[in-house]
Amino acid sequence: MSGAITIVGIFAALGTTCAWLPQVVKTWTTKNARDFSWGYLAMFSAGVALWMVYGILKKDPVIIGANAITLALVTSIAFVKKTGLSS
């Protein structure tokens, strides 16, 4: 049963992490991140970082990997917003 649980986790991680790809591509293409509030980016990033810590504590590579990638994607949106690339 453990293998089936891991497979479910992998597909869940792929779905939630890959959901950010279109938004990151759009943000970088348009150089526009105005629709993201700083509060949202901060709270979501903190939550994802805590999930990553949880994965580290549980020694779960699926949780660690998915949240590390998601955090990088969300951070790239924050970068566009912070650097003023968005007008």
N, C-alpha and C. Protein backbone atom coordinates (compact mmCIF):
# COMPACT_ATOMS: atom_id res chain seq x y z
N MET A 1 0.82 -1.20 0.00
CA MET A 1 0.00 0.00 0.00
C MET A 1 0.86 1.26 0.00
N SER A 2 2.04 1.19 0.57
CA SER A 2 2.92 2.36 0.65
C SER A 2 3.27 2.88 -0.75
N GLY A 3 3.49 1.98 -1.70
CA GLY A 3 3.80 2.40 -3.06
C GLY A 3 2.65 3.17 -3.70
N ALA A 4 1.42 2.73 -3.44
CA ALA A 4 0.25 3.40 -3.99
C ALA A 4 0.10 4.79 -3.37
N ILE A 5 0.39 4.90 -2.10
CA ILE A 5 0.31 6.21 -1.42
C ILE A 5 1.34 7.16 -2.00
N THR A 6 2.54 6.66 -2.26
CA THR A 6 3.59 7.49 -2.85
C THR A 6 3.19 7.96 -4.25
N ILE A 7 2.58 7.08 -5.02
CA ILE A 7 2.15 7.45 -6.37
C ILE A 7 1.09 8.54 -6.32
N VAL A 8 0.14 8.42 -5.40
CA VAL A 8 -0.87 9.47 -5.22
C VAL A 8 -0.18 10.79 -4.86
N GLY A 9 0.78 10.72 -3.95
CA GLY A 9 1.52 11.92 -3.55
C GLY A 9 2.27 12.56 -4.70
N ILE A 10 2.88 11.74 -5.53
CA ILE A 10 3.62 12.26 -6.68
C ILE A 10 2.68 12.98 -7.65
N PHE A 11 1.54 12.36 -7.93
CA PHE A 11 0.59 13.02 -8.86
C PHE A 11 -0.01 14.28 -8.25
N ALA A 12 -0.28 14.26 -6.94
CA ALA A 12 -0.78 15.47 -6.27
C ALA A 12 0.28 16.57 -6.34
N ALA A 13 1.51 16.22 -6.09
CA ALA A 13 2.61 17.20 -6.12
C ALA A 13 2.79 17.76 -7.53
N LEU A 14 2.73 16.89 -8.53
CA LEU A 14 2.85 17.36 -9.92
C LEU A 14 1.72 18.33 -10.27
N GLY A 15 0.51 17.99 -9.86
CA GLY A 15 -0.63 18.85 -10.18
C GLY A 15 -0.52 20.22 -9.55
N THR A 16 -0.23 20.27 -8.26
CA THR A 16 -0.20 21.56 -7.57
C THR A 16 1.04 22.38 -7.94
N THR A 17 2.13 21.71 -8.21
CA THR A 17 3.35 22.43 -8.59
C THR A 17 3.27 22.91 -10.04
N CYS A 18 2.87 22.05 -10.93
CA CYS A 18 2.78 22.42 -12.35
C CYS A 18 1.70 23.47 -12.61
N ALA A 19 0.74 23.59 -11.72
CA ALA A 19 -0.30 24.61 -11.88
C ALA A 19 0.29 26.01 -11.88
N TRP A 20 1.46 26.19 -11.30
CA TRP A 20 2.11 27.50 -11.26
C TRP A 20 2.84 27.82 -12.56
N LEU A 21 3.16 26.83 -13.36
CA LEU A 21 3.94 27.09 -14.58
C LEU A 21 3.28 28.08 -15.54
N PRO A 22 1.99 27.93 -15.86
CA PRO A 22 1.39 28.92 -16.77
C PRO A 22 1.43 30.34 -16.21
N GLN A 23 1.26 30.48 -14.91
CA GLN A 23 1.28 31.82 -14.32
C GLN A 23 2.68 32.42 -14.35
N VAL A 24 3.69 31.58 -14.10
CA VAL A 24 5.07 32.06 -14.16
C VAL A 24 5.43 32.48 -15.58
N VAL A 25 5.05 31.66 -16.55
CA VAL A 25 5.33 32.00 -17.96
C VAL A 25 4.62 33.30 -18.33
N LYS A 26 3.37 33.44 -17.95
CA LYS A 26 2.62 34.67 -18.26
C LYS A 26 3.26 35.88 -17.58
N THR A 27 3.64 35.73 -16.31
CA THR A 27 4.24 36.84 -15.57
C THR A 27 5.55 37.29 -16.22
N TRP A 28 6.39 36.33 -16.58
CA TRP A 28 7.67 36.69 -17.19
C TRP A 28 7.50 37.19 -18.62
N THR A 29 6.53 36.67 -19.33
CA THR A 29 6.30 37.11 -20.71
C THR A 29 5.77 38.54 -20.74
N THR A 30 4.81 38.82 -19.89
CA THR A 30 4.20 40.16 -19.87
C THR A 30 4.97 41.12 -18.97
N LYS A 31 5.87 40.57 -18.15
CA LYS A 31 6.61 41.36 -17.16
C LYS A 31 5.64 42.13 -16.26
N ASN A 32 4.54 41.46 -15.92
CA ASN A 32 3.48 42.09 -15.14
C ASN A 32 3.07 41.17 -14.00
N ALA A 33 3.30 41.61 -12.77
CA ALA A 33 2.90 40.86 -11.57
C ALA A 33 2.01 41.70 -10.67
N ARG A 34 1.41 42.73 -11.24
CA ARG A 34 0.59 43.65 -10.43
C ARG A 34 -0.59 42.96 -9.76
N ASP A 35 -1.14 41.94 -10.37
CA ASP A 35 -2.32 41.29 -9.81
C ASP A 35 -2.02 40.47 -8.56
N PHE A 36 -0.77 40.23 -8.27
CA PHE A 36 -0.39 39.51 -7.06
C PHE A 36 -0.13 40.51 -5.94
N SER A 37 -0.83 40.34 -4.84
CA SER A 37 -0.56 41.22 -3.69
C SER A 37 0.66 40.68 -2.95
N TRP A 38 1.38 41.59 -2.30
CA TRP A 38 2.52 41.18 -1.49
C TRP A 38 2.08 40.29 -0.34
N GLY A 39 0.91 40.58 0.22
CA GLY A 39 0.40 39.75 1.31
C GLY A 39 0.19 38.31 0.87
N TYR A 40 -0.41 38.15 -0.31
CA TYR A 40 -0.61 36.80 -0.84
C TYR A 40 0.72 36.09 -1.07
N LEU A 41 1.63 36.77 -1.75
CA LEU A 41 2.92 36.14 -2.05
C LEU A 41 3.66 35.76 -0.77
N ALA A 42 3.61 36.63 0.24
CA ALA A 42 4.30 36.35 1.50
C ALA A 42 3.66 35.18 2.23
N MET A 43 2.33 35.20 2.36
CA MET A 43 1.67 34.12 3.10
C MET A 43 1.78 32.78 2.37
N PHE A 44 1.60 32.80 1.05
CA PHE A 44 1.70 31.55 0.30
C PHE A 44 3.13 31.00 0.37
N SER A 45 4.11 31.88 0.22
CA SER A 45 5.51 31.44 0.28
C SER A 45 5.85 30.88 1.66
N ALA A 46 5.36 31.52 2.70
CA ALA A 46 5.61 31.02 4.06
C ALA A 46 4.98 29.64 4.24
N GLY A 47 3.76 29.47 3.75
CA GLY A 47 3.10 28.17 3.84
C GLY A 47 3.85 27.08 3.09
N VAL A 48 4.29 27.39 1.88
CA VAL A 48 5.03 26.43 1.08
C VAL A 48 6.37 26.10 1.75
N ALA A 49 7.03 27.11 2.29
CA ALA A 49 8.30 26.87 2.99
C ALA A 49 8.09 25.96 4.21
N LEU A 50 7.01 26.19 4.92
CA LEU A 50 6.72 25.34 6.08
C LEU A 50 6.39 23.90 5.65
N TRP A 51 5.67 23.74 4.54
CA TRP A 51 5.44 22.40 4.02
C TRP A 51 6.76 21.72 3.65
N MET A 52 7.69 22.50 3.11
CA MET A 52 8.99 21.94 2.76
C MET A 52 9.74 21.50 4.02
N VAL A 53 9.69 22.31 5.07
CA VAL A 53 10.31 21.94 6.35
C VAL A 53 9.65 20.67 6.89
N TYR A 54 8.32 20.61 6.79
CA TYR A 54 7.60 19.42 7.22
C TYR A 54 8.11 18.19 6.46
N GLY A 55 8.27 18.33 5.15
CA GLY A 55 8.79 17.22 4.35
C GLY A 55 10.19 16.82 4.77
N ILE A 56 11.02 17.81 5.11
CA ILE A 56 12.38 17.52 5.58
C ILE A 56 12.32 16.74 6.89
N LEU A 57 11.47 17.20 7.81
CA LEU A 57 11.33 16.53 9.11
C LEU A 57 10.80 15.10 8.95
N LYS A 58 9.90 14.90 7.98
CA LYS A 58 9.33 13.58 7.73
C LYS A 58 10.22 12.74 6.80
N LYS A 59 11.27 13.39 6.25
CA LYS A 59 12.16 12.73 5.29
C LYS A 59 11.37 12.21 4.08
N ASP A 60 10.49 13.08 3.57
CA ASP A 60 9.64 12.71 2.44
C ASP A 60 10.07 13.50 1.21
N PRO A 61 10.77 12.84 0.29
CA PRO A 61 11.31 13.55 -0.88
C PRO A 61 10.23 14.15 -1.78
N VAL A 62 9.05 13.56 -1.83
CA VAL A 62 7.98 14.10 -2.67
C VAL A 62 7.54 15.46 -2.13
N ILE A 63 7.31 15.55 -0.83
CA ILE A 63 6.90 16.82 -0.21
C ILE A 63 8.01 17.85 -0.32
N ILE A 64 9.23 17.43 -0.08
CA ILE A 64 10.37 18.36 -0.16
C ILE A 64 10.52 18.91 -1.58
N GLY A 65 10.56 18.01 -2.55
CA GLY A 65 10.78 18.42 -3.94
C GLY A 65 9.68 19.30 -4.49
N ALA A 66 8.44 18.90 -4.27
CA ALA A 66 7.31 19.68 -4.80
C ALA A 66 7.29 21.08 -4.21
N ASN A 67 7.52 21.18 -2.93
CA ASN A 67 7.45 22.49 -2.29
C ASN A 67 8.67 23.34 -2.60
N ALA A 68 9.82 22.72 -2.79
CA ALA A 68 11.01 23.49 -3.20
C ALA A 68 10.79 24.10 -4.58
N ILE A 69 10.24 23.31 -5.49
CA ILE A 69 9.99 23.82 -6.84
C ILE A 69 8.90 24.89 -6.82
N THR A 70 7.82 24.64 -6.08
CA THR A 70 6.75 25.64 -5.99
C THR A 70 7.28 26.94 -5.40
N LEU A 71 8.09 26.85 -4.37
CA LEU A 71 8.66 28.05 -3.75
C LEU A 71 9.52 28.82 -4.75
N ALA A 72 10.29 28.10 -5.56
CA ALA A 72 11.11 28.76 -6.58
C ALA A 72 10.23 29.46 -7.62
N LEU A 73 9.15 28.82 -8.02
CA LEU A 73 8.25 29.42 -9.02
C LEU A 73 7.58 30.68 -8.46
N VAL A 74 7.09 30.59 -7.24
CA VAL A 74 6.43 31.76 -6.63
C VAL A 74 7.44 32.87 -6.38
N THR A 75 8.66 32.50 -5.99
CA THR A 75 9.70 33.50 -5.78
C THR A 75 10.03 34.22 -7.08
N SER A 76 9.97 33.50 -8.19
CA SER A 76 10.26 34.17 -9.48
C SER A 76 9.18 35.21 -9.80
N ILE A 77 7.95 34.96 -9.40
CA ILE A 77 6.89 35.96 -9.59
C ILE A 77 7.15 37.16 -8.68
N ALA A 78 7.54 36.89 -7.44
CA ALA A 78 7.87 37.98 -6.52
C ALA A 78 9.04 38.80 -7.05
N PHE A 79 9.99 38.14 -7.71
CA PHE A 79 11.13 38.85 -8.30
C PHE A 79 10.66 39.84 -9.36
N VAL A 80 9.76 39.39 -10.22
CA VAL A 80 9.24 40.29 -11.27
C VAL A 80 8.54 41.48 -10.60
N LYS A 81 7.76 41.21 -9.58
CA LYS A 81 7.04 42.28 -8.88
C LYS A 81 8.02 43.23 -8.20
N LYS A 82 9.01 42.71 -7.52
CA LYS A 82 9.96 43.53 -6.75
C LYS A 82 10.87 44.37 -7.64
N THR A 83 11.35 43.80 -8.71
CA THR A 83 12.33 44.51 -9.55
C THR A 83 11.71 45.60 -10.39
N GLY A 84 10.40 45.70 -10.33
CA GLY A 84 9.76 46.75 -11.09
C GLY A 84 9.65 46.43 -12.57
N LEU A 85 9.90 45.16 -12.92
CA LEU A 85 9.71 44.78 -14.31
C LEU A 85 8.25 45.02 -14.71
N SER A 86 7.36 44.85 -13.69
CA SER A 86 5.95 45.14 -13.97
C SER A 86 5.70 46.62 -13.79
N SER A 87 5.10 47.20 -14.78
CA SER A 87 4.90 48.65 -14.72
C SER A 87 3.59 49.01 -14.07
